[in-house]
C-alpha atoms as a PDB file:
ATOM      1  CA  UNK A   1      83.654  47.261  72.847  1.00  0.00           C
ATOM      2  CA  UNK A   2      87.228  47.995  73.925  1.00  0.00           C
ATOM      3  CA  UNK A   3      87.901  51.544  72.675  1.00  0.00           C
ATOM      4  CA  UNK A   4      86.679  54.316  75.025  1.00  0.00           C
ATOM      5  CA  UNK A   5      86.949  56.832  72.177  1.00  0.00           C
ATOM      6  CA  UNK A   6      84.722  54.681  69.988  1.00  0.00           C
ATOM      7  CA  UNK A   7      82.220  54.271  72.832  1.00  0.00           C
ATOM      8  CA  UNK A   8      81.933  58.025  73.318  1.00  0.00           C
ATOM      9  CA  UNK A   9      81.787  58.679  69.576  1.00  0.00           C
ATOM     10  CA  UNK A  10      78.896  56.216  69.214  1.00  0.00           C
ATOM     11  CA  UNK A  11      77.117  57.775  72.213  1.00  0.00           C
ATOM     12  CA  UNK A  12      77.456  61.278  70.738  1.00  0.00           C
ATOM     13  CA  UNK A  13      76.341  60.140  67.277  1.00  0.00           C
ATOM     14  CA  UNK A  14      73.263  58.404  68.677  1.00  0.00           C
ATOM     15  CA  UNK A  15      72.448  61.398  70.891  1.00  0.00           C
ATOM     16  CA  UNK A  16      72.534  63.661  67.847  1.00  0.00           C
ATOM     17  CA  UNK A  17      69.480  61.863  66.439  1.00  0.00           C
ATOM     18  CA  UNK A  18      67.229  62.831  69.378  1.00  0.00           C
ATOM     19  CA  UNK A  19      65.472  65.496  67.297  1.00  0.00           C
ATOM     20  CA  UNK A  20      64.213  62.862  64.855  1.00  0.00           C
ATOM     21  CA  UNK A  21      62.926  60.738  67.745  1.00  0.00           C
ATOM     22  CA  UNK A  22      61.069  63.752  69.187  1.00  0.00           C
ATOM     23  CA  UNK A  23      59.365  64.623  65.896  1.00  0.00           C
ATOM     24  CA  UNK A  24      58.568  61.031  64.880  1.00  0.00           C
ATOM     25  CA  UNK A  25      57.067  60.236  68.291  1.00  0.00           C
ATOM     26  CA  UNK A  26      54.235  62.716  67.513  1.00  0.00           C
ATOM     27  CA  UNK A  27      54.182  63.631  71.220  1.00  0.00           C
ATOM     28  CA  UNK A  28      54.338  67.136  72.652  1.00  0.00           C
ATOM     29  CA  UNK A  29      57.556  67.935  74.579  1.00  0.00           C
ATOM     30  CA  UNK A  30      56.076  67.312  78.058  1.00  0.00           C
ATOM     31  CA  UNK A  31      54.761  63.858  77.182  1.00  0.00           C
ATOM     32  CA  UNK A  32      57.919  62.952  75.284  1.00  0.00           C
ATOM     33  CA  UNK A  33      60.152  63.917  78.220  1.00  0.00           C
ATOM     34  CA  UNK A  34      57.874  62.004  80.610  1.00  0.00           C
ATOM     35  CA  UNK A  35      58.140  58.750  78.669  1.00  0.00           C
ATOM     36  CA  UNK A  36      61.844  59.280  78.008  1.00  0.00           C
ATOM     37  CA  UNK A  37      62.377  59.557  81.761  1.00  0.00           C
ATOM     38  CA  UNK A  38      60.281  56.413  82.348  1.00  0.00           C
ATOM     39  CA  UNK A  39      62.126  54.186  79.887  1.00  0.00           C
ATOM     40  CA  UNK A  40      65.487  55.836  80.584  1.00  0.00           C
ATOM     41  CA  UNK A  41      65.166  55.225  84.326  1.00  0.00           C
ATOM     42  CA  UNK A  42      64.116  51.620  83.713  1.00  0.00           C
ATOM     43  CA  UNK A  43      67.032  50.817  81.397  1.00  0.00           C
ATOM     44  CA  UNK A  44      69.616  52.686  83.483  1.00  0.00           C
ATOM     45  CA  UNK A  45      68.187  51.107  86.651  1.00  0.00           C
ATOM     46  CA  UNK A  46      68.741  47.648  85.176  1.00  0.00           C
ATOM     47  CA  UNK A  47      72.306  48.652  84.246  1.00  0.00           C
ATOM     48  CA  UNK A  48      73.001  49.808  87.817  1.00  0.00           C
ATOM     49  CA  UNK A  49      71.367  46.714  89.309  1.00  0.00           C
ATOM     50  CA  UNK A  50      73.410  44.305  87.182  1.00  0.00           C
ATOM     51  CA  UNK A  51      76.637  46.121  88.073  1.00  0.00           C
ATOM     52  CA  UNK A  52      75.742  46.269  91.765  1.00  0.00           C
ATOM     53  CA  UNK A  53      75.876  50.059  91.917  1.00  0.00           C
ATOM     54  CA  UNK A  54      72.801  50.599  94.082  1.00  0.00           C
ATOM     55  CA  UNK A  55      74.800  49.667  97.167  1.00  0.00           C
ATOM     56  CA  UNK A  56      76.909  52.832  96.784  1.00  0.00           C
ATOM     57  CA  UNK A  57      74.917  55.996  97.395  1.00  0.00           C
ATOM     58  CA  UNK A  58      74.472  58.697 100.022  1.00  0.00           C
ATOM     59  CA  UNK A  59      71.347  60.587 101.086  1.00  0.00           C
ATOM     60  CA  UNK A  60      72.922  64.024 100.495  1.00  0.00           C
ATOM     61  CA  UNK A  61      73.919  63.035  96.976  1.00  0.00           C
ATOM     62  CA  UNK A  62      70.429  61.691  96.245  1.00  0.00           C
ATOM     63  CA  UNK A  63      68.924  65.023  97.314  1.00  0.00           C
ATOM     64  CA  UNK A  64      71.262  66.799  94.896  1.00  0.00           C
ATOM     65  CA  UNK A  65      70.304  64.320  92.159  1.00  0.00           C
ATOM     66  CA  UNK A  66      66.604  64.977  92.789  1.00  0.00           C
ATOM     67  CA  UNK A  67      67.223  68.722  92.382  1.00  0.00           C
ATOM     68  CA  UNK A  68      68.995  67.949  89.107  1.00  0.00           C
ATOM     69  CA  UNK A  69      65.998  65.851  88.060  1.00  0.00           C
ATOM     70  CA  UNK A  70      63.744  68.902  88.297  1.00  0.00           C
ATOM     71  CA  UNK A  71      66.227  70.922  86.246  1.00  0.00           C
ATOM     72  CA  UNK A  72      66.688  68.238  83.590  1.00  0.00           C
ATOM     73  CA  UNK A  73      62.921  68.150  83.035  1.00  0.00           C
ATOM     74  CA  UNK A  74      62.932  71.920  82.493  1.00  0.00           C
ATOM     75  CA  UNK A  75      65.963  71.708  80.208  1.00  0.00           C
ATOM     76  CA  UNK A  76      64.573  68.939  77.996  1.00  0.00           C
ATOM     77  CA  UNK A  77      61.064  70.418  77.713  1.00  0.00           C
ATOM     78  CA  UNK A  78      62.472  73.823  76.754  1.00  0.00           C
ATOM     79  CA  UNK A  79      64.964  72.288  74.318  1.00  0.00           C
ATOM     80  CA  UNK A  80      62.445  70.062  72.545  1.00  0.00           C
ATOM     81  CA  UNK A  81      59.910  72.909  72.366  1.00  0.00           C
ATOM     82  CA  UNK A  82      62.512  75.028  70.605  1.00  0.00           C
ATOM     83  CA  UNK A  83      62.642  72.471  67.765  1.00  0.00           C
ATOM     84  CA  UNK A  84      59.209  73.483  66.513  1.00  0.00           C
ATOM     85  CA  UNK A  85      59.935  77.193  66.733  1.00  0.00           C
ATOM     86  CA  UNK A  86      63.270  77.225  64.922  1.00  0.00           C
ATOM     87  CA  UNK A  87      64.768  73.916  63.705  1.00  0.00           C
ATOM     88  CA  UNK A  88      66.509  70.878  65.149  1.00  0.00           C
ATOM     89  CA  UNK A  89      69.873  72.023  63.789  1.00  0.00           C
ATOM     90  CA  UNK A  90      69.617  75.625  64.988  1.00  0.00           C
ATOM     91  CA  UNK A  91      68.300  74.677  68.436  1.00  0.00           C
ATOM     92  CA  UNK A  92      71.093  72.114  68.881  1.00  0.00           C
ATOM     93  CA  UNK A  93      73.805  74.579  67.888  1.00  0.00           C
ATOM     94  CA  UNK A  94      72.496  77.177  70.342  1.00  0.00           C
ATOM     95  CA  UNK A  95      72.077  74.544  73.068  1.00  0.00           C
ATOM     96  CA  UNK A  96      75.771  73.694  72.852  1.00  0.00           C
ATOM     97  CA  UNK A  97      76.708  77.076  74.300  1.00  0.00           C
ATOM     98  CA  UNK A  98      76.078  75.483  77.718  1.00  0.00           C
ATOM     99  CA  UNK A  99      79.816  75.292  78.693  1.00  0.00           C
ATOM    100  CA  UNK A 100      79.791  79.087  78.905  1.00  0.00           C
ATOM    101  CA  UNK A 101      76.742  79.065  81.132  1.00  0.00           C
ATOM    102  CA  UNK A 102      78.700  76.693  83.380  1.00  0.00           C
ATOM    103  CA  UNK A 103      81.438  79.328  83.633  1.00  0.00           C
ATOM    104  CA  UNK A 104      78.871  82.049  84.389  1.00  0.00           C
ATOM    105  CA  UNK A 105      77.109  79.880  87.005  1.00  0.00           C
ATOM    106  CA  UNK A 106      80.475  79.121  88.600  1.00  0.00           C
ATOM    107  CA  UNK A 107      81.115  82.847  88.983  1.00  0.00           C
ATOM    108  CA  UNK A 108      77.618  83.560  90.354  1.00  0.00           C
ATOM    109  CA  UNK A 109      77.147  80.607  92.697  1.00  0.00           C
ATOM    110  CA  UNK A 110      80.615  79.227  93.455  1.00  0.00           C
ATOM    111  CA  UNK A 111      82.492  82.535  93.472  1.00  0.00           C
ATOM    112  CA  UNK A 112      84.933  81.176  90.916  1.00  0.00           C
ATOM    113  CA  UNK A 113      87.232  83.610  89.153  1.00  0.00           C
ATOM    114  CA  UNK A 114      86.808  84.286  85.472  1.00  0.00           C
ATOM    115  CA  UNK A 115      89.735  85.470  83.357  1.00  0.00           C
ATOM    116  CA  UNK A 116      89.611  88.143  80.713  1.00  0.00           C
ATOM    117  CA  UNK A 117      90.370  85.528  78.101  1.00  0.00           C
ATOM    118  CA  UNK A 118      87.334  83.484  79.191  1.00  0.00           C
ATOM    119  CA  UNK A 119      85.186  86.602  78.936  1.00  0.00           C
ATOM    120  CA  UNK A 120      86.508  87.131  75.409  1.00  0.00           C
ATOM    121  CA  UNK A 121      85.623  83.562  74.412  1.00  0.00           C
ATOM    122  CA  UNK A 122      82.175  83.907  76.013  1.00  0.00           C
ATOM    123  CA  UNK A 123      81.561  87.036  73.955  1.00  0.00           C
ATOM    124  CA  UNK A 124      82.678  85.209  70.815  1.00  0.00           C
ATOM    125  CA  UNK A 125      80.332  82.303  71.589  1.00  0.00           C
ATOM    126  CA  UNK A 126      77.326  84.577  72.014  1.00  0.00           C
ATOM    127  CA  UNK A 127      78.165  86.260  68.714  1.00  0.00           C
ATOM    128  CA  UNK A 128      78.104  82.750  67.280  1.00  0.00           C
ATOM    129  CA  UNK A 129      74.649  82.219  68.775  1.00  0.00           C
ATOM    130  CA  UNK A 130      73.406  85.421  67.150  1.00  0.00           C
ATOM    131  CA  UNK A 131      74.767  84.329  63.762  1.00  0.00           C
ATOM    132  CA  UNK A 132      73.503  80.740  63.988  1.00  0.00           C
ATOM    133  CA  UNK A 133      70.016  81.836  65.067  1.00  0.00           C
ATOM    134  CA  UNK A 134      69.119  82.563  61.437  1.00  0.00           C
ATOM    135  CA  UNK A 135      67.896  86.059  62.222  1.00  0.00           C
ATOM    136  CA  UNK A 136      70.661  87.583  60.112  1.00  0.00           C
ATOM    137  CA  UNK A 137      70.158  85.287  57.116  1.00  0.00           C
ATOM    138  CA  UNK A 138      68.372  86.522  54.014  1.00  0.00           C
ATOM    139  CA  UNK A 139      65.146  84.818  53.106  1.00  0.00           C
ATOM    140  CA  UNK A 140      64.347  83.456  56.562  1.00  0.00           C
ATOM    141  CA  UNK A 141      60.746  83.595  57.731  1.00  0.00           C
ATOM    142  CA  UNK A 142      59.023  83.462  61.063  1.00  0.00           C
ATOM    143  CA  UNK A 143      61.594  85.657  62.779  1.00  0.00           C
ATOM    144  CA  UNK A 144      59.531  85.983  65.978  1.00  0.00           C
ATOM    145  CA  UNK A 145      59.111  82.211  66.269  1.00  0.00           C
ATOM    146  CA  UNK A 146      62.792  81.668  65.477  1.00  0.00           C
ATOM    147  CA  UNK A 147      63.834  84.176  68.136  1.00  0.00           C
ATOM    148  CA  UNK A 148      61.610  82.472  70.716  1.00  0.00           C
ATOM    149  CA  UNK A 149      63.110  79.091  69.739  1.00  0.00           C
ATOM    150  CA  UNK A 150      66.635  80.443  70.229  1.00  0.00           C
ATOM    151  CA  UNK A 151      65.685  81.921  73.618  1.00  0.00           C
ATOM    152  CA  UNK A 152      64.177  78.609  74.755  1.00  0.00           C
ATOM    153  CA  UNK A 153      67.320  76.755  73.654  1.00  0.00           C
ATOM    154  CA  UNK A 154      69.414  79.245  75.627  1.00  0.00           C
ATOM    155  CA  UNK A 155      67.239  78.736  78.731  1.00  0.00           C
ATOM    156  CA  UNK A 156      67.562  74.972  78.275  1.00  0.00           C
ATOM    157  CA  UNK A 157      71.351  75.311  78.138  1.00  0.00           C
ATOM    158  CA  UNK A 158      71.325  77.498  81.257  1.00  0.00           C
ATOM    159  CA  UNK A 159      69.244  74.907  83.145  1.00  0.00           C
ATOM    160  CA  UNK A 160      71.661  72.159  82.106  1.00  0.00           C
ATOM    161  CA  UNK A 161      74.576  74.313  83.261  1.00  0.00           C
ATOM    162  CA  UNK A 162      73.002  74.442  86.725  1.00  0.00           C
ATOM    163  CA  UNK A 163      72.832  70.638  86.655  1.00  0.00           C
ATOM    164  CA  UNK A 164      76.564  70.560  85.933  1.00  0.00           C
ATOM    165  CA  UNK A 165      77.284  72.900  88.840  1.00  0.00           C
ATOM    166  CA  UNK A 166      75.191  70.823  91.274  1.00  0.00           C
ATOM    167  CA  UNK A 167      76.665  67.487  90.167  1.00  0.00           C
ATOM    168  CA  UNK A 168      80.182  68.860  90.719  1.00  0.00           C
ATOM    169  CA  UNK A 169      79.410  68.586  94.430  1.00  0.00           C
ATOM    170  CA  UNK A 170      78.432  64.914  94.183  1.00  0.00           C
ATOM    171  CA  UNK A 171      81.671  63.078  94.913  1.00  0.00           C
ATOM    172  CA  UNK A 172      80.609  59.901  96.723  1.00  0.00           C
ATOM    173  CA  UNK A 173      78.136  58.548  94.183  1.00  0.00           C
ATOM    174  CA  UNK A 174      78.581  57.002  90.748  1.00  0.00           C
ATOM    175  CA  UNK A 175      77.319  59.087  87.830  1.00  0.00           C
ATOM    176  CA  UNK A 176      75.002  56.262  86.731  1.00  0.00           C
ATOM    177  CA  UNK A 177      73.197  56.348  90.088  1.00  0.00           C
ATOM    178  CA  UNK A 178      72.911  60.137  89.955  1.00  0.00           C
ATOM    179  CA  UNK A 179      71.405  60.004  86.475  1.00  0.00           C
ATOM    180  CA  UNK A 180      68.988  57.243  87.496  1.00  0.00           C
ATOM    181  CA  UNK A 181      67.646  59.432  90.309  1.00  0.00           C
ATOM    182  CA  UNK A 182      67.430  62.396  87.933  1.00  0.00           C
ATOM    183  CA  UNK A 183      65.317  60.425  85.462  1.00  0.00           C
ATOM    184  CA  UNK A 184      63.137  58.897  88.183  1.00  0.00           C
ATOM    185  CA  UNK A 185      62.516  62.375  89.611  1.00  0.00           C
ATOM    186  CA  UNK A 186      61.671  63.703  86.164  1.00  0.00           C
ATOM    187  CA  UNK A 187      59.106  60.950  85.622  1.00  0.00           C
ATOM    188  CA  UNK A 188      57.468  61.629  88.985  1.00  0.00           C
ATOM    189  CA  UNK A 189      57.336  65.392  88.451  1.00  0.00           C
ATOM    190  CA  UNK A 190      55.801  65.110  84.986  1.00  0.00           C
ATOM    191  CA  UNK A 191      53.357  62.307  85.811  1.00  0.00           C
ATOM    192  CA  UNK A 192      50.509  64.707  86.777  1.00  0.00           C
ATOM    193  CA  UNK A 193      50.933  66.655  83.512  1.00  0.00           C
ATOM    194  CA  UNK A 194      51.310  63.729  81.092  1.00  0.00           C
ATOM    195  CA  UNK A 195      48.395  62.857  78.821  1.00  0.00           C
ATOM    196  CA  UNK A 196      47.232  59.269  79.073  1.00  0.00           C
ATOM    197  CA  UNK A 197      43.963  59.422  77.132  1.00  0.00           C
ATOM    198  CA  UNK A 198      45.402  60.120  73.683  1.00  0.00           C
ATOM    199  CA  UNK A 199      48.488  57.938  73.410  1.00  0.00           C
ATOM    200  CA  UNK A 200      50.208  57.585  70.018  1.00  0.00           C
ATOM    201  CA  UNK A 201      49.935  54.539  67.761  1.00  0.00           C
ATOM    202  CA  UNK A 202      52.246  51.548  67.952  1.00  0.00           C
ATOM    203  CA  UNK A 203      54.770  52.805  65.339  1.00  0.00           C
ATOM    204  CA  UNK A 204      55.418  55.903  67.461  1.00  0.00           C
ATOM    205  CA  UNK A 205      56.190  53.792  70.523  1.00  0.00           C
ATOM    206  CA  UNK A 206      59.310  52.486  68.817  1.00  0.00           C
ATOM    207  CA  UNK A 207      60.646  56.045  68.723  1.00  0.00           C
ATOM    208  CA  UNK A 208      59.549  56.744  72.297  1.00  0.00           C
ATOM    209  CA  UNK A 209      61.060  53.581  73.778  1.00  0.00           C
ATOM    210  CA  UNK A 210      64.171  54.037  71.642  1.00  0.00           C
ATOM    211  CA  UNK A 211      64.675  57.530  73.047  1.00  0.00           C
ATOM    212  CA  UNK A 212      64.552  56.176  76.595  1.00  0.00           C
ATOM    213  CA  UNK A 213      66.432  52.903  76.204  1.00  0.00           C
ATOM    214  CA  UNK A 214      68.943  53.734  73.451  1.00  0.00           C
ATOM    215  CA  UNK A 215      69.457  57.506  73.557  1.00  0.00           C
ATOM    216  CA  UNK A 216      69.308  57.687  77.347  1.00  0.00           C
ATOM    217  CA  UNK A 217      70.096  54.340  78.976  1.00  0.00           C
ATOM    218  CA  UNK A 218      72.609  52.998  76.441  1.00  0.00           C
ATOM    219  CA  UNK A 219      74.219  56.350  75.565  1.00  0.00           C
ATOM    220  CA  UNK A 220      74.665  57.361  79.187  1.00  0.00           C
ATOM    221  CA  UNK A 221      76.173  53.960  80.004  1.00  0.00           C
ATOM    222  CA  UNK A 222      78.640  54.335  77.114  1.00  0.00           C
ATOM    223  CA  UNK A 223      79.561  57.870  78.186  1.00  0.00           C
ATOM    224  CA  UNK A 224      80.055  56.999  81.853  1.00  0.00           C
ATOM    225  CA  UNK A 225      82.132  53.980  80.886  1.00  0.00           C
ATOM    226  CA  UNK A 226      84.396  55.995  78.575  1.00  0.00           C
ATOM    227  CA  UNK A 227      84.982  59.225  80.537  1.00  0.00           C
ATOM    228  CA  UNK A 228      87.511  57.825  83.062  1.00  0.00           C
ATOM    229  CA  UNK A 229      89.715  56.561  80.219  1.00  0.00           C
ATOM    230  CA  UNK A 230      89.771  59.694  78.045  1.00  0.00           C
ATOM    231  CA  UNK A 231      91.547  63.032  78.244  1.00  0.00           C
ATOM    232  CA  UNK A 232      89.627  66.296  78.403  1.00  0.00           C
ATOM    233  CA  UNK A 233      90.844  67.129  74.894  1.00  0.00           C
ATOM    234  CA  UNK A 234      89.423  63.908  73.467  1.00  0.00           C
ATOM    235  CA  UNK A 235      86.096  64.298  75.269  1.00  0.00           C
ATOM    236  CA  UNK A 236      85.772  67.918  74.110  1.00  0.00           C
ATOM    237  CA  UNK A 237      86.514  67.007  70.513  1.00  0.00           C
ATOM    238  CA  UNK A 238      84.126  64.048  70.391  1.00  0.00           C
ATOM    239  CA  UNK A 239      81.302  66.072  71.974  1.00  0.00           C
ATOM    240  CA  UNK A 240      80.929  68.032  68.741  1.00  0.00           C
ATOM    241  CA  UNK A 241      79.784  64.873  66.959  1.00  0.00           C
ATOM    242  CA  UNK A 242      76.374  65.529  68.573  1.00  0.00           C
ATOM    243  CA  UNK A 243      75.566  68.833  66.773  1.00  0.00           C
ATOM    244  CA  UNK A 244      77.111  67.607  63.528  1.00  0.00           C
ATOM    245  CA  UNK A 245      74.803  64.578  63.476  1.00  0.00           C
ATOM    246  CA  UNK A 246      71.835  66.775  64.458  1.00  0.00           C
ATOM    247  CA  UNK A 247      72.537  69.135  61.537  1.00  0.00           C
ATOM    248  CA  UNK A 248      72.892  66.179  59.151  1.00  0.00           C
ATOM    249  CA  UNK A 249      69.648  64.550  60.352  1.00  0.00           C
ATOM    250  CA  UNK A 250      67.716  67.810  60.085  1.00  0.00           C
ATOM    251  CA  UNK A 251      68.994  68.225  56.539  1.00  0.00           C
ATOM    252  CA  UNK A 252      68.454  64.660  55.281  1.00  0.00           C
ATOM    253  CA  UNK A 253      65.201  63.830  57.074  1.00  0.00           C
ATOM    254  CA  UNK A 254      63.376  67.164  57.128  1.00  0.00           C
ATOM    255  CA  UNK A 255      65.149  69.155  54.421  1.00  0.00           C
ATOM    256  CA  UNK A 256      66.204  71.987  56.722  1.00  0.00           C
ATOM    257  CA  UNK A 257      69.439  73.563  55.519  1.00  0.00           C
ATOM    258  CA  UNK A 258      71.530  76.040  57.427  1.00  0.00           C
ATOM    259  CA  UNK A 259      72.663  79.199  55.683  1.00  0.00           C
ATOM    260  CA  UNK A 260      76.323  80.151  55.312  1.00  0.00           C
ATOM    261  CA  UNK A 261      75.965  82.669  58.146  1.00  0.00           C
ATOM    262  CA  UNK A 262      74.513  79.991  60.431  1.00  0.00           C
ATOM    263  CA  UNK A 263      77.421  77.664  59.664  1.00  0.00           C
ATOM    264  CA  UNK A 264      79.835  80.483  60.524  1.00  0.00           C
ATOM    265  CA  UNK A 265      78.016  80.919  63.836  1.00  0.00           C
ATOM    266  CA  UNK A 266      78.195  77.178  64.554  1.00  0.00           C
ATOM    267  CA  UNK A 267      81.938  77.108  63.851  1.00  0.00           C
ATOM    268  CA  UNK A 268      82.441  80.192  66.047  1.00  0.00           C
ATOM    269  CA  UNK A 269      80.647  78.500  68.972  1.00  0.00           C
ATOM    270  CA  UNK A 270      82.753  75.358  68.536  1.00  0.00           C
ATOM    271  CA  UNK A 271      86.035  77.285  68.375  1.00  0.00           C
ATOM    272  CA  UNK A 272      85.059  79.467  71.344  1.00  0.00           C
ATOM    273  CA  UNK A 273      84.143  76.392  73.409  1.00  0.00           C
ATOM    274  CA  UNK A 274      87.449  74.685  72.723  1.00  0.00           C
ATOM    275  CA  UNK A 275      89.344  77.958  73.140  1.00  0.00           C
ATOM    276  CA  UNK A 276      87.853  78.594  76.583  1.00  0.00           C
ATOM    277  CA  UNK A 277      88.449  75.022  77.722  1.00  0.00           C
ATOM    278  CA  UNK A 278      92.073  74.845  76.585  1.00  0.00           C
ATOM    279  CA  UNK A 279      92.915  78.535  77.130  1.00  0.00           C
ATOM    280  CA  UNK A 280      93.815  79.229  73.548  1.00  0.00           C
ATOM    281  CA  UNK A 281      95.040  82.760  72.920  1.00  0.00           C
ATOM    282  CA  UNK A 282      92.640  85.033  71.071  1.00  0.00           C
ATOM    283  CA  UNK A 283      93.660  86.239  67.589  1.00  0.00           C
ATOM    284  CA  UNK A 284      95.884  89.305  67.872  1.00  0.00           C
ATOM    285  CA  UNK A 285      93.217  91.772  66.756  1.00  0.00           C
ATOM    286  CA  UNK A 286      90.516  90.305  68.994  1.00  0.00           C
ATOM    287  CA  UNK A 287      92.725  89.972  72.053  1.00  0.00           C
ATOM    288  CA  UNK A 288      93.544  93.686  72.498  1.00  0.00           C
ATOM    289  CA  UNK A 289      91.085  94.014  75.384  1.00  0.00           C
ATOM    290  CA  UNK A 290      91.683  90.510  76.751  1.00  0.00           C
ATOM    291  CA  UNK A 291      94.594  91.654  78.901  1.00  0.00           C
ATOM    292  CA  UNK A 292      98.226  90.565  79.233  1.00  0.00           C
ATOM    293  CA  UNK A 293      99.149  86.916  78.998  1.00  0.00           C
ATOM    294  CA  UNK A 294     100.102  86.489  82.659  1.00  0.00           C
ATOM    295  CA  UNK A 295      96.705  87.902  83.691  1.00  0.00           C
ATOM    296  CA  UNK A 296      94.903  85.435  81.434  1.00  0.00           C
ATOM    297  CA  UNK A 297      96.489  82.449  83.086  1.00  0.00           C
ATOM    298  CA  UNK A 298      95.511  83.544  86.600  1.00  0.00           C
ATOM    299  CA  UNK A 299      92.640  81.993  88.532  1.00  0.00           C
END
């Protein structure tokens, strides 16, 4: 496969089906994440071994990767739990607010400066979360469960943002090696909590192994292989294939349809994400409190 854009698009499209794999596996989130880590680490380990990447790593970077492994377990368990409380589509939309948590974590832990324009886009994104949660849509039921699902998806996004902040400090180690250590750590941490006495039937194992080998090993390999050859604009645009596929799968497979208000919220999150990343100017009416242009470009 020669096209980096096509590689990333395929990786994002496959990743968007993870909700179906979670539900069809019949496993609870802890057991699903455990087996995903097992098969993901195995497949990614083989990839690294074949490419001779295990000869390039540093102890400090491995320690950081292990810390990320603990966080990725928390993120995935929270995210997959939110599916059952709200819906795959809603949880995925909310989860994709994580770029703004990265900005917030950068301010809190790395003392990075945040511009008024970024604050404006963050506010817009969280308005999008409120709209896409379904709590403002007529005819929705189970508001308490839906709210808890949205909160869990937000916590999952925050945990993943911390992973992003930590991995920014890993400069001497290939991303594939870092991810391998994350998955291996996740498997070890969840091993004492995994249930071994009531394993699913053989049909479910296809979904479980597929989540580890295809949606983790293969997708991560495609992403890591494409990133160096793509611009930030291209990567940002293709990333939104993930939630679009998740919404489509939730609709076609499980019959869950988003309301018009939820679609507006999803679009608002997408626009806010791209706006913050590329420093788009806010609409004239919304940008009154965002400050003068020269102030927005500072930092």
